[in-house]
């Protein structure tokens, strides 16, 4: 991540894959909003995407997934809270190690 941040240019256009994978979008949000908000936005988008996939599975295979919908919701929420904390710490440590970036 540190190497990517050093090599990245903010003027590069985002590709479609950058919205789902990679650090380019998260790095831009970190510069624009700060570590807490960038991590929250990223985690929220991933949570919504995960819940949408879960409900798609419930629609396609109702017998299998109908009884698990509350468990899926809880698991996705706990995983995204952990993902938020992990990203927040990473972005804060990157910001602290490179204060000249501001």
PDB file of N, CA and C in Angstrom:
ATOM      1  N   UNK A   1       0.834  -1.196   0.000  1.00  0.00           N
ATOM      2  CA  UNK A   1       0.000   0.000   0.000  1.00  0.00           C
ATOM      3  C   UNK A   1       0.867   1.242   0.000  1.00  0.00           C
ATOM      4  N   UNK A   2       1.933   1.244   0.823  1.00  0.00           N
ATOM      5  CA  UNK A   2       2.811   2.411   0.876  1.00  0.00           C
ATOM      6  C   UNK A   2       3.437   2.685  -0.485  1.00  0.00           C
ATOM      7  N   UNK A   3       3.872   1.612  -1.147  1.00  0.00           N
ATOM      8  CA  UNK A   3       4.490   1.773  -2.467  1.00  0.00           C
ATOM      9  C   UNK A   3       3.476   2.314  -3.467  1.00  0.00           C
ATOM     10  N   UNK A   4       2.240   1.819  -3.402  1.00  0.00           N
ATOM     11  CA  UNK A   4       1.204   2.299  -4.311  1.00  0.00           C
ATOM     12  C   UNK A   4       0.916   3.767  -4.075  1.00  0.00           C
ATOM     13  N   UNK A   5       0.814   4.161  -2.816  1.00  0.00           N
ATOM     14  CA  UNK A   5       0.517   5.556  -2.491  1.00  0.00           C
ATOM     15  C   UNK A   5       1.616   6.457  -3.018  1.00  0.00           C
ATOM     16  N   UNK A   6       2.857   6.024  -2.912  1.00  0.00           N
ATOM     17  CA  UNK A   6       3.970   6.818  -3.423  1.00  0.00           C
ATOM     18  C   UNK A   6       3.960   6.938  -4.935  1.00  0.00           C
ATOM     19  N   UNK A   7       3.515   5.872  -5.624  1.00  0.00           N
ATOM     20  CA  UNK A   7       3.519   5.856  -7.092  1.00  0.00           C
ATOM     21  C   UNK A   7       2.258   6.423  -7.717  1.00  0.00           C
ATOM     22  N   UNK A   8       1.194   6.556  -6.943  1.00  0.00           N
ATOM     23  CA  UNK A   8      -0.087   6.939  -7.536  1.00  0.00           C
ATOM     24  C   UNK A   8      -0.144   8.429  -7.828  1.00  0.00           C
ATOM     25  N   UNK A   9      -0.912   8.733  -8.853  1.00  0.00           N
ATOM     26  CA  UNK A   9      -1.166  10.121  -9.225  1.00  0.00           C
ATOM     27  C   UNK A   9      -2.662  10.349  -9.111  1.00  0.00           C
ATOM     28  N   UNK A  10      -3.047  11.462  -8.523  1.00  0.00           N
ATOM     29  CA  UNK A  10      -4.470  11.726  -8.324  1.00  0.00           C
ATOM     30  C   UNK A  10      -5.191  12.046  -9.626  1.00  0.00           C
ATOM     31  N   UNK A  11      -4.468  12.378 -10.647  1.00  0.00           N
ATOM     32  CA  UNK A  11      -5.099  12.761 -11.905  1.00  0.00           C
ATOM     33  C   UNK A  11      -5.434  11.558 -12.781  1.00  0.00           C
ATOM     34  N   UNK A  12      -4.902  10.383 -12.441  1.00  0.00           N
ATOM     35  CA  UNK A  12      -5.212   9.194 -13.227  1.00  0.00           C
ATOM     36  C   UNK A  12      -6.705   8.908 -13.174  1.00  0.00           C
ATOM     37  N   UNK A  13      -7.260   8.513 -14.305  1.00  0.00           N
ATOM     38  CA  UNK A  13      -8.682   8.195 -14.318  1.00  0.00           C
ATOM     39  C   UNK A  13      -8.904   6.828 -13.668  1.00  0.00           C
ATOM     40  N   UNK A  14     -10.042   6.677 -13.029  1.00  0.00           N
ATOM     41  CA  UNK A  14     -10.388   5.420 -12.378  1.00  0.00           C
ATOM     42  C   UNK A  14     -10.979   4.457 -13.394  1.00  0.00           C
ATOM     43  N   UNK A  15     -10.540   3.221 -13.331  1.00  0.00           N
ATOM     44  CA  UNK A  15     -11.110   2.181 -14.172  1.00  0.00           C
ATOM     45  C   UNK A  15     -12.261   1.542 -13.408  1.00  0.00           C
ATOM     46  N   UNK A  16     -13.076   0.783 -14.094  1.00  0.00           N
ATOM     47  CA  UNK A  16     -14.212   0.126 -13.461  1.00  0.00           C
ATOM     48  C   UNK A  16     -13.764  -0.798 -12.332  1.00  0.00           C
ATOM     49  N   UNK A  17     -12.656  -1.488 -12.531  1.00  0.00           N
ATOM     50  CA  UNK A  17     -12.172  -2.420 -11.516  1.00  0.00           C
ATOM     51  C   UNK A  17     -11.698  -1.692 -10.253  1.00  0.00           C
ATOM     52  N   UNK A  18     -11.304  -0.424 -10.362  1.00  0.00           N
ATOM     53  CA  UNK A  18     -10.857   0.341  -9.196  1.00  0.00           C
ATOM     54  C   UNK A  18     -11.974   0.599  -8.200  1.00  0.00           C
ATOM     55  N   UNK A  19     -13.210   0.506  -8.649  1.00  0.00           N
ATOM     56  CA  UNK A  19     -14.332   0.709  -7.735  1.00  0.00           C
ATOM     57  C   UNK A  19     -14.585  -0.528  -6.871  1.00  0.00           C
ATOM     58  N   UNK A  20     -14.090  -1.679  -7.281  1.00  0.00           N
ATOM     59  CA  UNK A  20     -14.317  -2.915  -6.542  1.00  0.00           C
ATOM     60  C   UNK A  20     -13.054  -3.472  -5.902  1.00  0.00           C
ATOM     61  N   UNK A  21     -11.916  -3.297  -6.554  1.00  0.00           N
ATOM     62  CA  UNK A  21     -10.649  -3.833  -6.053  1.00  0.00           C
ATOM     63  C   UNK A  21      -9.609  -2.726  -6.078  1.00  0.00           C
ATOM     64  N   UNK A  22      -8.519  -2.966  -5.415  1.00  0.00           N
ATOM     65  CA  UNK A  22      -7.426  -2.011  -5.447  1.00  0.00           C
ATOM     66  C   UNK A  22      -7.589  -0.917  -4.411  1.00  0.00           C
ATOM     67  N   UNK A  23      -6.618  -0.039  -4.389  1.00  0.00           N
ATOM     68  CA  UNK A  23      -6.562   0.983  -3.352  1.00  0.00           C
ATOM     69  C   UNK A  23      -6.697   2.391  -3.904  1.00  0.00           C
ATOM     70  N   UNK A  24      -6.831   2.514  -5.202  1.00  0.00           N
ATOM     71  CA  UNK A  24      -6.843   3.840  -5.806  1.00  0.00           C
ATOM     72  C   UNK A  24      -8.018   4.690  -5.318  1.00  0.00           C
ATOM     73  N   UNK A  25      -9.207   4.130  -5.312  1.00  0.00           N
ATOM     74  CA  UNK A  25     -10.384   4.869  -4.873  1.00  0.00           C
ATOM     75  C   UNK A  25     -10.317   5.170  -3.381  1.00  0.00           C
ATOM     76  N   UNK A  26      -9.903   4.185  -2.586  1.00  0.00           N
ATOM     77  CA  UNK A  26      -9.779   4.385  -1.138  1.00  0.00           C
ATOM     78  C   UNK A  26      -8.727   5.455  -0.830  1.00  0.00           C
ATOM     79  N   UNK A  27      -7.642   5.453  -1.574  1.00  0.00           N
ATOM     80  CA  UNK A  27      -6.596   6.468  -1.380  1.00  0.00           C
ATOM     81  C   UNK A  27      -7.119   7.871  -1.717  1.00  0.00           C
ATOM     82  N   UNK A  28      -7.895   7.981  -2.783  1.00  0.00           N
ATOM     83  CA  UNK A  28      -8.469   9.294  -3.127  1.00  0.00           C
ATOM     84  C   UNK A  28      -9.444   9.781  -2.063  1.00  0.00           C
ATOM     85  N   UNK A  29     -10.291   8.870  -1.573  1.00  0.00           N
ATOM     86  CA  UNK A  29     -11.211   9.259  -0.504  1.00  0.00           C
ATOM     87  C   UNK A  29     -10.461   9.635   0.761  1.00  0.00           C
ATOM     88  N   UNK A  30      -9.339   8.956   1.032  1.00  0.00           N
ATOM     89  CA  UNK A  30      -8.538   9.274   2.200  1.00  0.00           C
ATOM     90  C   UNK A  30      -7.983  10.695   2.095  1.00  0.00           C
ATOM     91  N   UNK A  31      -7.536  11.069   0.922  1.00  0.00           N
ATOM     92  CA  UNK A  31      -7.025  12.439   0.735  1.00  0.00           C
ATOM     93  C   UNK A  31      -8.139  13.474   0.837  1.00  0.00           C
ATOM     94  N   UNK A  32      -9.314  13.115   0.336  1.00  0.00           N
ATOM     95  CA  UNK A  32     -10.415  14.069   0.290  1.00  0.00           C
ATOM     96  C   UNK A  32     -11.150  14.190   1.626  1.00  0.00           C
ATOM     97  N   UNK A  33     -11.442  13.044   2.283  1.00  0.00           N
ATOM     98  CA  UNK A  33     -12.283  13.053   3.483  1.00  0.00           C
ATOM     99  C   UNK A  33     -11.560  12.708   4.779  1.00  0.00           C
ATOM    100  N   UNK A  34     -10.380  12.129   4.694  1.00  0.00           N
ATOM    101  CA  UNK A  34      -9.687  11.672   5.886  1.00  0.00           C
ATOM    102  C   UNK A  34      -9.919  10.177   6.110  1.00  0.00           C
ATOM    103  N   UNK A  35      -9.138   9.568   7.004  1.00  0.00           N
ATOM    104  CA  UNK A  35      -9.189   8.114   7.169  1.00  0.00           C
ATOM    105  C   UNK A  35     -10.524   7.569   7.682  1.00  0.00           C
ATOM    106  N   UNK A  36     -11.132   8.237   8.656  1.00  0.00           N
ATOM    107  CA  UNK A  36     -12.377   7.721   9.228  1.00  0.00           C
ATOM    108  C   UNK A  36     -13.497   7.687   8.199  1.00  0.00           C
ATOM    109  N   UNK A  37     -13.703   8.814   7.546  1.00  0.00           N
ATOM    110  CA  UNK A  37     -14.805   8.914   6.595  1.00  0.00           C
ATOM    111  C   UNK A  37     -14.558   8.047   5.362  1.00  0.00           C
ATOM    112  N   UNK A  38     -13.318   8.002   4.888  1.00  0.00           N
ATOM    113  CA  UNK A  38     -12.999   7.177   3.718  1.00  0.00           C
ATOM    114  C   UNK A  38     -13.249   5.708   4.014  1.00  0.00           C
ATOM    115  N   UNK A  39     -12.825   5.265   5.184  1.00  0.00           N
ATOM    116  CA  UNK A  39     -13.048   3.878   5.564  1.00  0.00           C
ATOM    117  C   UNK A  39     -14.534   3.585   5.743  1.00  0.00           C
ATOM    118  N   UNK A  40     -15.272   4.518   6.323  1.00  0.00           N
ATOM    119  CA  UNK A  40     -16.714   4.336   6.517  1.00  0.00           C
ATOM    120  C   UNK A  40     -17.442   4.242   5.176  1.00  0.00           C
ATOM    121  N   UNK A  41     -17.118   5.122   4.242  1.00  0.00           N
ATOM    122  CA  UNK A  41     -17.760   5.103   2.923  1.00  0.00           C
ATOM    123  C   UNK A  41     -17.471   3.783   2.217  1.00  0.00           C
ATOM    124  N   UNK A  42     -16.207   3.370   2.233  1.00  0.00           N
ATOM    125  CA  UNK A  42     -15.820   2.136   1.563  1.00  0.00           C
ATOM    126  C   UNK A  42     -16.505   0.926   2.192  1.00  0.00           C
ATOM    127  N   UNK A  43     -16.525   0.863   3.511  1.00  0.00           N
ATOM    128  CA  UNK A  43     -17.158  -0.259   4.202  1.00  0.00           C
ATOM    129  C   UNK A  43     -18.664  -0.291   3.960  1.00  0.00           C
ATOM    130  N   UNK A  44     -19.292   0.868   3.938  1.00  0.00           N
ATOM    131  CA  UNK A  44     -20.730   0.933   3.699  1.00  0.00           C
ATOM    132  C   UNK A  44     -21.081   0.447   2.301  1.00  0.00           C
ATOM    133  N   UNK A  45     -20.317   0.860   1.325  1.00  0.00           N
ATOM    134  CA  UNK A  45     -20.571   0.416  -0.055  1.00  0.00           C
ATOM    135  C   UNK A  45     -20.397  -1.095  -0.160  1.00  0.00           C
ATOM    136  N   UNK A  46     -19.346  -1.628   0.469  1.00  0.00           N
ATOM    137  CA  UNK A  46     -19.125  -3.071   0.425  1.00  0.00           C
ATOM    138  C   UNK A  46     -20.230  -3.819   1.173  1.00  0.00           C
ATOM    139  N   UNK A  47     -20.716  -3.257   2.287  1.00  0.00           N
ATOM    140  CA  UNK A  47     -21.797  -3.883   3.047  1.00  0.00           C
ATOM    141  C   UNK A  47     -23.070  -3.955   2.209  1.00  0.00           C
ATOM    142  N   UNK A  48     -23.419  -2.858   1.563  1.00  0.00           N
ATOM    143  CA  UNK A  48     -24.620  -2.823   0.719  1.00  0.00           C
ATOM    144  C   UNK A  48     -24.494  -3.828  -0.426  1.00  0.00           C
ATOM    145  N   UNK A  49     -23.325  -3.893  -1.031  1.00  0.00           N
ATOM    146  CA  UNK A  49     -23.089  -4.839  -2.121  1.00  0.00           C
ATOM    147  C   UNK A  49     -23.224  -6.277  -1.622  1.00  0.00           C
ATOM    148  N   UNK A  50     -22.667  -6.584  -0.456  1.00  0.00           N
ATOM    149  CA  UNK A  50     -22.764  -7.933   0.113  1.00  0.00           C
ATOM    150  C   UNK A  50     -24.186  -8.315   0.469  1.00  0.00           C
ATOM    151  N   UNK A  51     -24.930  -7.376   1.057  1.00  0.00           N
ATOM    152  CA  UNK A  51     -26.331  -7.644   1.406  1.00  0.00           C
ATOM    153  C   UNK A  51     -27.165  -7.840   0.135  1.00  0.00           C
ATOM    154  N   UNK A  52     -26.880  -7.067  -0.899  1.00  0.00           N
ATOM    155  CA  UNK A  52     -27.606  -7.222  -2.168  1.00  0.00           C
ATOM    156  C   UNK A  52     -27.373  -8.607  -2.765  1.00  0.00           C
ATOM    157  N   UNK A  53     -26.138  -9.073  -2.705  1.00  0.00           N
ATOM    158  CA  UNK A  53     -25.840 -10.423  -3.209  1.00  0.00           C
ATOM    159  C   UNK A  53     -26.557 -11.474  -2.360  1.00  0.00           C
ATOM    160  N   UNK A  54     -26.573 -11.282  -1.038  1.00  0.00           N
ATOM    161  CA  UNK A  54     -27.251 -12.224  -0.160  1.00  0.00           C
ATOM    162  C   UNK A  54     -28.746 -12.291  -0.479  1.00  0.00           C
ATOM    163  N   UNK A  55     -29.372 -11.140  -0.683  1.00  0.00           N
ATOM    164  CA  UNK A  55     -30.805 -11.145  -1.005  1.00  0.00           C
ATOM    165  C   UNK A  55     -31.070 -11.683  -2.409  1.00  0.00           C
ATOM    166  N   UNK A  56     -30.117 -11.544  -3.296  1.00  0.00           N
ATOM    167  CA  UNK A  56     -30.240 -12.175  -4.606  1.00  0.00           C
ATOM    168  C   UNK A  56     -30.253 -13.700  -4.455  1.00  0.00           C
ATOM    169  N   UNK A  57     -29.372 -14.206  -3.605  1.00  0.00           N
ATOM    170  CA  UNK A  57     -29.370 -15.647  -3.345  1.00  0.00           C
ATOM    171  C   UNK A  57     -30.674 -16.095  -2.707  1.00  0.00           C
ATOM    172  N   UNK A  58     -31.218 -15.292  -1.804  1.00  0.00           N
ATOM    173  CA  UNK A  58     -32.496 -15.629  -1.172  1.00  0.00           C
ATOM    174  C   UNK A  58     -33.606 -15.688  -2.217  1.00  0.00           C
ATOM    175  N   UNK A  59     -33.551 -14.786  -3.186  1.00  0.00           N
ATOM    176  CA  UNK A  59     -34.561 -14.765  -4.256  1.00  0.00           C
ATOM    177  C   UNK A  59     -34.411 -15.971  -5.183  1.00  0.00           C
ATOM    178  N   UNK A  60     -33.167 -16.317  -5.514  1.00  0.00           N
ATOM    179  CA  UNK A  60     -32.930 -17.417  -6.454  1.00  0.00           C
ATOM    180  C   UNK A  60     -33.197 -18.776  -5.802  1.00  0.00           C
ATOM    181  N   UNK A  61     -32.680 -18.970  -4.570  1.00  0.00           N
ATOM    182  CA  UNK A  61     -32.846 -20.238  -3.862  1.00  0.00           C
ATOM    183  C   UNK A  61     -33.553 -19.985  -2.538  1.00  0.00           C
ATOM    184  N   UNK A  62     -34.863 -19.758  -2.556  1.00  0.00           N
ATOM    185  CA  UNK A  62     -35.560 -19.396  -1.318  1.00  0.00           C
ATOM    186  C   UNK A  62     -35.559 -20.489  -0.249  1.00  0.00           C
ATOM    187  N   UNK A  63     -35.617 -21.776  -0.653  1.00  0.00           N
ATOM    188  CA  UNK A  63     -35.668 -22.842   0.352  1.00  0.00           C
ATOM    189  C   UNK A  63     -34.370 -22.895   1.169  1.00  0.00           C
ATOM    190  N   UNK A  64     -33.257 -22.643   0.518  1.00  0.00           N
ATOM    191  CA  UNK A  64     -31.960 -22.771   1.171  1.00  0.00           C
ATOM    192  C   UNK A  64     -31.622 -21.558   2.028  1.00  0.00           C
ATOM    193  N   UNK A  65     -31.823 -20.367   1.509  1.00  0.00           N
ATOM    194  CA  UNK A  65     -31.318 -19.161   2.158  1.00  0.00           C
ATOM    195  C   UNK A  65     -32.361 -18.399   2.979  1.00  0.00           C
ATOM    196  N   UNK A  66     -33.634 -18.733   2.886  1.00  0.00           N
ATOM    197  CA  UNK A  66     -34.672 -17.972   3.593  1.00  0.00           C
ATOM    198  C   UNK A  66     -34.467 -17.991   5.102  1.00  0.00           C
ATOM    199  N   UNK A  67     -34.112 -19.132   5.646  1.00  0.00           N
ATOM    200  CA  UNK A  67     -33.927 -19.240   7.095  1.00  0.00           C
ATOM    201  C   UNK A  67     -32.627 -18.607   7.577  1.00  0.00           C
ATOM    202  N   UNK A  68     -31.729 -18.328   6.661  1.00  0.00           N
ATOM    203  CA  UNK A  68     -30.423 -17.791   7.050  1.00  0.00           C
ATOM    204  C   UNK A  68     -30.308 -16.281   6.851  1.00  0.00           C
ATOM    205  N   UNK A  69     -31.376 -15.598   6.482  1.00  0.00           N
ATOM    206  CA  UNK A  69     -31.256 -14.183   6.123  1.00  0.00           C
ATOM    207  C   UNK A  69     -30.794 -13.326   7.297  1.00  0.00           C
ATOM    208  N   UNK A  70     -31.237 -13.618   8.505  1.00  0.00           N
ATOM    209  CA  UNK A  70     -30.798 -12.832   9.654  1.00  0.00           C
ATOM    210  C   UNK A  70     -29.331 -13.111   9.978  1.00  0.00           C
ATOM    211  N   UNK A  71     -28.940 -14.357   9.818  1.00  0.00           N
ATOM    212  CA  UNK A  71     -27.533 -14.715  10.045  1.00  0.00           C
ATOM    213  C   UNK A  71     -26.637 -14.049   9.018  1.00  0.00           C
ATOM    214  N   UNK A  72     -27.069 -14.025   7.771  1.00  0.00           N
ATOM    215  CA  UNK A  72     -26.286 -13.378   6.714  1.00  0.00           C
ATOM    216  C   UNK A  72     -26.136 -11.893   7.013  1.00  0.00           C
ATOM    217  N   UNK A  73     -27.217 -11.257   7.415  1.00  0.00           N
ATOM    218  CA  UNK A  73     -27.180  -9.835   7.755  1.00  0.00           C
ATOM    219  C   UNK A  73     -26.201  -9.578   8.903  1.00  0.00           C
ATOM    220  N   UNK A  74     -26.258 -10.390   9.939  1.00  0.00           N
ATOM    221  CA  UNK A  74     -25.374 -10.231  11.092  1.00  0.00           C
ATOM    222  C   UNK A  74     -23.920 -10.470  10.717  1.00  0.00           C
ATOM    223  N   UNK A  75     -23.654 -11.517   9.970  1.00  0.00           N
ATOM    224  CA  UNK A  75     -22.280 -11.827   9.569  1.00  0.00           C
ATOM    225  C   UNK A  75     -21.707 -10.710   8.708  1.00  0.00           C
ATOM    226  N   UNK A  76     -22.478 -10.216   7.732  1.00  0.00           N
ATOM    227  CA  UNK A  76     -21.998  -9.123   6.878  1.00  0.00           C
ATOM    228  C   UNK A  76     -21.718  -7.869   7.704  1.00  0.00           C
ATOM    229  N   UNK A  77     -22.569  -7.583   8.673  1.00  0.00           N
ATOM    230  CA  UNK A  77     -22.375  -6.398   9.504  1.00  0.00           C
ATOM    231  C   UNK A  77     -21.111  -6.516  10.335  1.00  0.00           C
ATOM    232  N   UNK A  78     -20.890  -7.650  10.964  1.00  0.00           N
ATOM    233  CA  UNK A  78     -19.691  -7.844  11.789  1.00  0.00           C
ATOM    234  C   UNK A  78     -18.426  -7.800  10.929  1.00  0.00           C
ATOM    235  N   UNK A  79     -18.452  -8.430   9.773  1.00  0.00           N
ATOM    236  CA  UNK A  79     -17.289  -8.419   8.883  1.00  0.00           C
ATOM    237  C   UNK A  79     -16.977  -7.000   8.419  1.00  0.00           C
ATOM    238  N   UNK A  80     -17.992  -6.216   8.087  1.00  0.00           N
ATOM    239  CA  UNK A  80     -17.748  -4.855   7.614  1.00  0.00           C
ATOM    240  C   UNK A  80     -17.288  -3.929   8.735  1.00  0.00           C
ATOM    241  N   UNK A  81     -17.713  -4.176   9.970  1.00  0.00           N
ATOM    242  CA  UNK A  81     -17.187  -3.388  11.096  1.00  0.00           C
ATOM    243  C   UNK A  81     -15.698  -3.671  11.252  1.00  0.00           C
ATOM    244  N   UNK A  82     -15.310  -4.933  11.161  1.00  0.00           N
ATOM    245  CA  UNK A  82     -13.888  -5.281  11.210  1.00  0.00           C
ATOM    246  C   UNK A  82     -13.111  -4.688  10.059  1.00  0.00           C
ATOM    247  N   UNK A  83     -13.715  -4.716   8.869  1.00  0.00           N
ATOM    248  CA  UNK A  83     -13.071  -4.137   7.688  1.00  0.00           C
ATOM    249  C   UNK A  83     -12.895  -2.625   7.862  1.00  0.00           C
ATOM    250  N   UNK A  84     -13.890  -1.965   8.459  1.00  0.00           N
ATOM    251  CA  UNK A  84     -13.800  -0.531   8.722  1.00  0.00           C
ATOM    252  C   UNK A  84     -12.633  -0.225   9.650  1.00  0.00           C
ATOM    253  N   UNK A  85     -12.538  -0.952  10.760  1.00  0.00           N
ATOM    254  CA  UNK A  85     -11.445  -0.706  11.713  1.00  0.00           C
ATOM    255  C   UNK A  85     -10.089  -0.960  11.076  1.00  0.00           C
ATOM    256  N   UNK A  86      -9.992  -2.024  10.298  1.00  0.00           N
ATOM    257  CA  UNK A  86      -8.725  -2.356   9.651  1.00  0.00           C
ATOM    258  C   UNK A  86      -8.320  -1.257   8.668  1.00  0.00           C
ATOM    259  N   UNK A  87      -9.231  -0.831   7.817  1.00  0.00           N
ATOM    260  CA  UNK A  87      -8.911   0.222   6.846  1.00  0.00           C
ATOM    261  C   UNK A  87      -8.604   1.545   7.526  1.00  0.00           C
ATOM    262  N   UNK A  88      -9.349   1.874   8.573  1.00  0.00           N
ATOM    263  CA  UNK A  88      -9.118   3.130   9.289  1.00  0.00           C
ATOM    264  C   UNK A  88      -7.709   3.161   9.879  1.00  0.00           C
ATOM    265  N   UNK A  89      -7.316   2.081  10.510  1.00  0.00           N
ATOM    266  CA  UNK A  89      -5.960   2.019  11.079  1.00  0.00           C
ATOM    267  C   UNK A  89      -4.900   2.105  10.000  1.00  0.00           C
ATOM    268  N   UNK A  90      -5.111   1.410   8.893  1.00  0.00           N
ATOM    269  CA  UNK A  90      -4.151   1.443   7.794  1.00  0.00           C
ATOM    270  C   UNK A  90      -4.020   2.852   7.237  1.00  0.00           C
ATOM    271  N   UNK A  91      -5.148   3.504   6.982  1.00  0.00           N
ATOM    272  CA  UNK A  91      -5.099   4.850   6.419  1.00  0.00           C
ATOM    273  C   UNK A  91      -4.499   5.849   7.397  1.00  0.00           C
ATOM    274  N   UNK A  92      -4.791   5.696   8.693  1.00  0.00           N
ATOM    275  CA  UNK A  92      -4.191   6.585   9.681  1.00  0.00           C
ATOM    276  C   UNK A  92      -2.687   6.379   9.774  1.00  0.00           C
ATOM    277  N   UNK A  93      -2.243   5.137   9.720  1.00  0.00           N
ATOM    278  CA  UNK A  93      -0.803   4.885   9.790  1.00  0.00           C
ATOM    279  C   UNK A  93      -0.092   5.398   8.542  1.00  0.00           C
ATOM    280  N   UNK A  94      -0.736   5.296   7.392  1.00  0.00           N
ATOM    281  CA  UNK A  94      -0.133   5.843   6.175  1.00  0.00           C
ATOM    282  C   UNK A  94      -0.067   7.362   6.232  1.00  0.00           C
ATOM    283  N   UNK A  95      -1.112   7.977   6.777  1.00  0.00           N
ATOM    284  CA  UNK A  95      -1.136   9.420   6.886  1.00  0.00           C
ATOM    285  C   UNK A  95      -0.075   9.907   7.875  1.00  0.00           C
ATOM    286  N   UNK A  96       0.097   9.185   8.983  1.00  0.00           N
ATOM    287  CA  UNK A  96       1.097   9.549   9.988  1.00  0.00           C
ATOM    288  C   UNK A  96       2.512   9.330   9.507  1.00  0.00           C
ATOM    289  N   UNK A  97       2.737   8.330   8.649  1.00  0.00           N
ATOM    290  CA  UNK A  97       4.079   8.063   8.169  1.00  0.00           C
ATOM    291  C   UNK A  97       4.486   8.999   7.037  1.00  0.00           C
ATOM    292  N   UNK A  98       3.519   9.685   6.444  1.00  0.00           N
ATOM    293  CA  UNK A  98       3.805  10.608   5.337  1.00  0.00           C
ATOM    294  C   UNK A  98       3.056  11.916   5.544  1.00  0.00           C
ATOM    295  N   UNK A  99       3.452  12.737   6.530  1.00  0.00           N
ATOM    296  CA  UNK A  99       2.702  13.970   6.803  1.00  0.00           C
ATOM    297  C   UNK A  99       2.872  15.053   5.724  1.00  0.00           C
ATOM    298  N   UNK A 100       3.871  14.943   4.872  1.00  0.00           N
ATOM    299  CA  UNK A 100       4.093  15.937   3.821  1.00  0.00           C
ATOM    300  C   UNK A 100       3.033  15.867   2.747  1.00  0.00           C
ATOM    301  N   UNK A 101       2.225  14.823   2.735  1.00  0.00           N
ATOM    302  CA  UNK A 101       1.219  14.619   1.702  1.00  0.00           C
ATOM    303  C   UNK A 101       0.065  15.607   1.807  1.00  0.00           C
ATOM    304  N   UNK A 102      -0.168  16.188   2.965  1.00  0.00           N
ATOM    305  CA  UNK A 102      -1.298  17.074   3.167  1.00  0.00           C
ATOM    306  C   UNK A 102      -1.063  18.335   2.484  1.00  0.00           C
TER     307      UNK A 102
END
